[in-house]
N, C-alpha and C. Protein backbone atom coordinates (compact mmCIF):
# COMPACT_ATOMS: atom_id res chain seq x y z
N MET A 1 15.81 54.82 23.14
CA MET A 1 14.90 54.28 22.17
C MET A 1 14.73 52.78 22.46
N SER A 2 13.52 52.40 22.74
CA SER A 2 13.28 51.00 23.05
C SER A 2 12.89 50.25 21.78
N ARG A 3 13.34 49.08 21.76
CA ARG A 3 13.06 48.26 20.59
C ARG A 3 11.79 47.48 20.84
N MET A 4 10.83 47.61 20.01
CA MET A 4 9.56 46.94 20.19
C MET A 4 9.58 45.62 19.43
N THR A 5 9.30 44.57 20.15
CA THR A 5 9.26 43.27 19.49
C THR A 5 7.82 42.94 19.14
N GLU A 6 7.67 42.45 17.96
CA GLU A 6 6.33 42.08 17.53
C GLU A 6 6.07 40.65 17.96
N GLU A 7 4.95 40.47 18.62
CA GLU A 7 4.55 39.12 19.00
C GLU A 7 3.69 38.57 17.89
N LYS A 8 3.91 37.31 17.58
CA LYS A 8 3.12 36.66 16.55
C LYS A 8 1.79 36.21 17.15
N ASP A 9 0.76 36.32 16.36
CA ASP A 9 -0.57 35.89 16.79
C ASP A 9 -0.56 34.37 16.93
N PRO A 10 -0.89 33.84 18.12
CA PRO A 10 -0.87 32.38 18.32
C PRO A 10 -1.85 31.65 17.40
N LYS A 11 -2.95 32.29 17.04
CA LYS A 11 -3.92 31.64 16.15
C LYS A 11 -3.36 31.50 14.74
N VAL A 12 -2.64 32.51 14.30
CA VAL A 12 -2.01 32.46 12.97
C VAL A 12 -0.93 31.38 12.96
N GLU A 13 -0.15 31.32 14.03
CA GLU A 13 0.89 30.28 14.14
C GLU A 13 0.28 28.88 14.17
N ALA A 14 -0.84 28.75 14.91
CA ALA A 14 -1.50 27.45 15.00
C ALA A 14 -2.00 27.01 13.62
N LEU A 15 -2.61 27.92 12.88
CA LEU A 15 -3.08 27.59 11.54
C LEU A 15 -1.93 27.26 10.60
N ALA A 16 -0.83 27.95 10.73
CA ALA A 16 0.34 27.65 9.91
C ALA A 16 0.86 26.25 10.20
N LYS A 17 0.85 25.86 11.48
CA LYS A 17 1.29 24.50 11.85
C LYS A 17 0.33 23.45 11.32
N VAL A 18 -0.97 23.74 11.37
CA VAL A 18 -1.95 22.80 10.83
C VAL A 18 -1.74 22.64 9.32
N ARG A 19 -1.53 23.77 8.61
CA ARG A 19 -1.30 23.70 7.17
C ARG A 19 -0.04 22.90 6.86
N GLU A 20 1.02 23.15 7.60
CA GLU A 20 2.29 22.44 7.39
C GLU A 20 2.11 20.94 7.64
N ALA A 21 1.41 20.59 8.71
CA ALA A 21 1.18 19.18 9.02
C ALA A 21 0.29 18.53 7.97
N SER A 22 -0.69 19.27 7.49
CA SER A 22 -1.58 18.75 6.46
C SER A 22 -0.82 18.48 5.16
N GLU A 23 0.07 19.38 4.79
CA GLU A 23 0.87 19.19 3.58
C GLU A 23 1.82 18.00 3.73
N ALA A 24 2.40 17.86 4.91
CA ALA A 24 3.28 16.71 5.17
C ALA A 24 2.49 15.41 5.12
N HIS A 25 1.28 15.43 5.66
CA HIS A 25 0.43 14.23 5.64
C HIS A 25 0.06 13.86 4.21
N ALA A 26 -0.31 14.85 3.40
CA ALA A 26 -0.66 14.58 2.00
C ALA A 26 0.54 14.01 1.24
N ALA A 27 1.72 14.54 1.50
CA ALA A 27 2.93 14.04 0.84
C ALA A 27 3.22 12.60 1.26
N ALA A 28 3.02 12.30 2.55
CA ALA A 28 3.25 10.95 3.04
C ALA A 28 2.26 9.96 2.42
N LYS A 29 1.00 10.38 2.28
CA LYS A 29 0.00 9.52 1.65
C LYS A 29 0.35 9.25 0.19
N ALA A 30 0.82 10.28 -0.50
CA ALA A 30 1.21 10.11 -1.90
C ALA A 30 2.40 9.17 -2.02
N ALA A 31 3.36 9.32 -1.12
CA ALA A 31 4.53 8.43 -1.12
C ALA A 31 4.11 7.00 -0.81
N GLU A 32 3.16 6.83 0.11
CA GLU A 32 2.69 5.49 0.46
C GLU A 32 1.99 4.85 -0.74
N THR A 33 1.16 5.63 -1.43
CA THR A 33 0.47 5.11 -2.61
C THR A 33 1.48 4.68 -3.68
N HIS A 34 2.48 5.51 -3.91
CA HIS A 34 3.51 5.18 -4.90
C HIS A 34 4.26 3.91 -4.49
N ALA A 35 4.62 3.80 -3.23
CA ALA A 35 5.35 2.62 -2.74
C ALA A 35 4.49 1.36 -2.85
N ARG A 36 3.19 1.47 -2.53
CA ARG A 36 2.29 0.32 -2.63
C ARG A 36 2.18 -0.15 -4.07
N GLU A 37 2.02 0.81 -5.00
CA GLU A 37 1.90 0.45 -6.42
C GLU A 37 3.18 -0.20 -6.92
N ALA A 38 4.34 0.30 -6.51
CA ALA A 38 5.61 -0.30 -6.91
C ALA A 38 5.76 -1.71 -6.33
N HIS A 39 5.35 -1.87 -5.08
CA HIS A 39 5.42 -3.18 -4.42
C HIS A 39 4.54 -4.18 -5.17
N GLN A 40 3.30 -3.78 -5.48
CA GLN A 40 2.39 -4.68 -6.17
C GLN A 40 2.86 -4.98 -7.59
N ALA A 41 3.46 -4.01 -8.26
CA ALA A 41 4.00 -4.26 -9.60
C ALA A 41 5.15 -5.26 -9.54
N ALA A 42 5.97 -5.17 -8.52
CA ALA A 42 7.08 -6.12 -8.35
C ALA A 42 6.54 -7.52 -8.08
N ILE A 43 5.45 -7.60 -7.33
CA ILE A 43 4.82 -8.90 -7.06
C ILE A 43 4.28 -9.50 -8.35
N VAL A 44 3.60 -8.69 -9.16
CA VAL A 44 3.07 -9.18 -10.44
C VAL A 44 4.23 -9.66 -11.33
N ALA A 45 5.32 -8.93 -11.36
CA ALA A 45 6.48 -9.35 -12.16
C ALA A 45 7.03 -10.69 -11.65
N ALA A 46 7.08 -10.87 -10.35
CA ALA A 46 7.57 -12.14 -9.79
C ALA A 46 6.61 -13.28 -10.11
N LEU A 47 5.30 -13.00 -10.05
CA LEU A 47 4.31 -14.03 -10.40
C LEU A 47 4.45 -14.44 -11.86
N LYS A 48 4.74 -13.48 -12.72
CA LYS A 48 4.91 -13.78 -14.15
C LYS A 48 6.14 -14.65 -14.40
N LEU A 49 7.09 -14.63 -13.46
CA LEU A 49 8.28 -15.49 -13.57
C LEU A 49 8.04 -16.85 -12.94
N ASP A 50 6.76 -17.13 -12.65
CA ASP A 50 6.32 -18.43 -12.12
C ASP A 50 6.72 -18.66 -10.66
N LEU A 51 6.92 -17.59 -9.92
CA LEU A 51 7.12 -17.73 -8.48
C LEU A 51 5.75 -17.75 -7.83
N GLY A 52 5.56 -18.61 -6.85
CA GLY A 52 4.26 -18.74 -6.20
C GLY A 52 4.07 -17.76 -5.06
N PRO A 53 2.82 -17.55 -4.66
CA PRO A 53 2.53 -16.63 -3.57
C PRO A 53 3.24 -16.97 -2.25
N SER A 54 3.40 -18.24 -1.96
CA SER A 54 4.08 -18.63 -0.71
C SER A 54 5.54 -18.21 -0.72
N VAL A 55 6.18 -18.38 -1.86
CA VAL A 55 7.60 -18.00 -1.98
C VAL A 55 7.74 -16.48 -1.91
N ILE A 56 6.89 -15.78 -2.64
CA ILE A 56 6.96 -14.31 -2.66
C ILE A 56 6.69 -13.74 -1.27
N SER A 57 5.77 -14.37 -0.53
CA SER A 57 5.42 -13.85 0.80
C SER A 57 6.59 -13.91 1.78
N THR A 58 7.60 -14.71 1.49
CA THR A 58 8.76 -14.78 2.40
C THR A 58 9.60 -13.50 2.38
N VAL A 59 9.46 -12.71 1.30
CA VAL A 59 10.24 -11.47 1.20
C VAL A 59 9.35 -10.23 1.08
N SER A 60 8.05 -10.44 1.18
CA SER A 60 7.10 -9.34 1.04
C SER A 60 6.40 -9.07 2.37
N SER A 61 5.87 -7.85 2.51
CA SER A 61 5.06 -7.55 3.70
C SER A 61 3.63 -8.07 3.53
N TYR A 62 3.29 -8.54 2.34
CA TYR A 62 1.98 -9.16 2.10
C TYR A 62 2.06 -10.65 2.38
N ASP A 63 0.96 -11.22 2.88
CA ASP A 63 0.92 -12.67 3.05
C ASP A 63 0.48 -13.30 1.72
N ARG A 64 0.52 -14.63 1.67
CA ARG A 64 0.24 -15.32 0.40
C ARG A 64 -1.19 -15.11 -0.08
N VAL A 65 -2.13 -14.92 0.87
CA VAL A 65 -3.52 -14.69 0.47
C VAL A 65 -3.65 -13.35 -0.26
N ASN A 66 -3.01 -12.31 0.26
CA ASN A 66 -3.05 -11.01 -0.41
C ASN A 66 -2.31 -11.04 -1.73
N ILE A 67 -1.22 -11.79 -1.77
CA ILE A 67 -0.48 -11.92 -3.04
C ILE A 67 -1.35 -12.62 -4.07
N ASP A 68 -2.13 -13.60 -3.65
CA ASP A 68 -3.03 -14.27 -4.57
C ASP A 68 -4.13 -13.31 -5.05
N ARG A 69 -4.58 -12.41 -4.20
CA ARG A 69 -5.56 -11.39 -4.62
C ARG A 69 -4.95 -10.46 -5.67
N ILE A 70 -3.68 -10.11 -5.48
CA ILE A 70 -2.98 -9.28 -6.46
C ILE A 70 -2.88 -10.03 -7.78
N ARG A 71 -2.60 -11.33 -7.71
CA ARG A 71 -2.52 -12.17 -8.93
C ARG A 71 -3.86 -12.16 -9.66
N LYS A 72 -4.94 -12.33 -8.91
CA LYS A 72 -6.27 -12.35 -9.53
C LYS A 72 -6.60 -11.00 -10.14
N ALA A 73 -6.26 -9.92 -9.45
CA ALA A 73 -6.53 -8.57 -9.97
C ALA A 73 -5.75 -8.32 -11.26
N ALA A 74 -4.57 -8.93 -11.37
CA ALA A 74 -3.75 -8.79 -12.57
C ALA A 74 -4.17 -9.78 -13.67
N LYS A 75 -5.21 -10.56 -13.37
CA LYS A 75 -5.75 -11.56 -14.31
C LYS A 75 -4.70 -12.58 -14.74
N LEU A 76 -3.87 -12.99 -13.78
CA LEU A 76 -2.88 -14.03 -14.04
C LEU A 76 -3.44 -15.37 -13.59
N PRO A 77 -3.10 -16.44 -14.30
CA PRO A 77 -3.60 -17.76 -13.88
C PRO A 77 -2.89 -18.22 -12.60
N PRO A 78 -3.54 -19.10 -11.84
CA PRO A 78 -2.87 -19.63 -10.65
C PRO A 78 -1.67 -20.48 -11.04
N LYS A 79 -0.71 -20.58 -10.12
CA LYS A 79 0.50 -21.36 -10.38
C LYS A 79 0.18 -22.84 -10.50
N ARG A 80 -0.78 -23.29 -9.73
CA ARG A 80 -1.14 -24.71 -9.79
C ARG A 80 -2.66 -24.83 -9.81
N ALA A 81 -3.13 -25.99 -10.22
CA ALA A 81 -4.57 -26.23 -10.29
C ALA A 81 -5.15 -26.34 -8.88
N ALA A 82 -6.41 -26.03 -8.78
CA ALA A 82 -7.10 -26.13 -7.49
C ALA A 82 -7.09 -27.57 -7.02
N THR A 83 -6.90 -27.77 -5.74
CA THR A 83 -6.86 -29.13 -5.19
C THR A 83 -8.17 -29.49 -4.50
N VAL A 84 -9.04 -28.53 -4.33
CA VAL A 84 -10.32 -28.78 -3.68
C VAL A 84 -11.37 -28.98 -4.76
N GLN A 85 -12.14 -30.05 -4.61
CA GLN A 85 -13.19 -30.33 -5.58
C GLN A 85 -14.54 -29.97 -4.98
N LYS A 86 -15.45 -29.54 -5.82
CA LYS A 86 -16.78 -29.22 -5.37
C LYS A 86 -17.54 -30.50 -5.04
N ILE A 87 -18.29 -30.45 -3.97
CA ILE A 87 -19.10 -31.60 -3.59
C ILE A 87 -20.48 -31.43 -4.22
N PRO A 88 -20.91 -32.44 -4.96
CA PRO A 88 -22.23 -32.30 -5.62
C PRO A 88 -23.34 -32.26 -4.57
N LYS A 89 -24.38 -31.47 -4.88
CA LYS A 89 -25.54 -31.39 -3.98
C LYS A 89 -26.39 -32.63 -4.14
N ASP A 90 -27.04 -33.02 -3.04
CA ASP A 90 -27.95 -34.16 -3.10
C ASP A 90 -29.16 -33.78 -3.93
N GLU A 91 -29.62 -34.74 -4.69
CA GLU A 91 -30.79 -34.47 -5.55
C GLU A 91 -32.05 -34.80 -4.84
């Protein structure tokens, strides 16, 4: 009596691998979104403690310009007044 081995259809296996990779990709994107939101919330909390974007950028993967954008999105005032003045137009 010979034992017959069933061969799996390569197309079915390929689709299963695509589905598995797609699910892993979706999970990674969700984890990235969660991590980004937590990172930005921590930045907002640090800004509320009067830490400036330059200081925060030393321990963050964001630079000070992006940290300032996060501050603006959170509707927080700048740490210091603007130092650049507008130049009046000639009349």
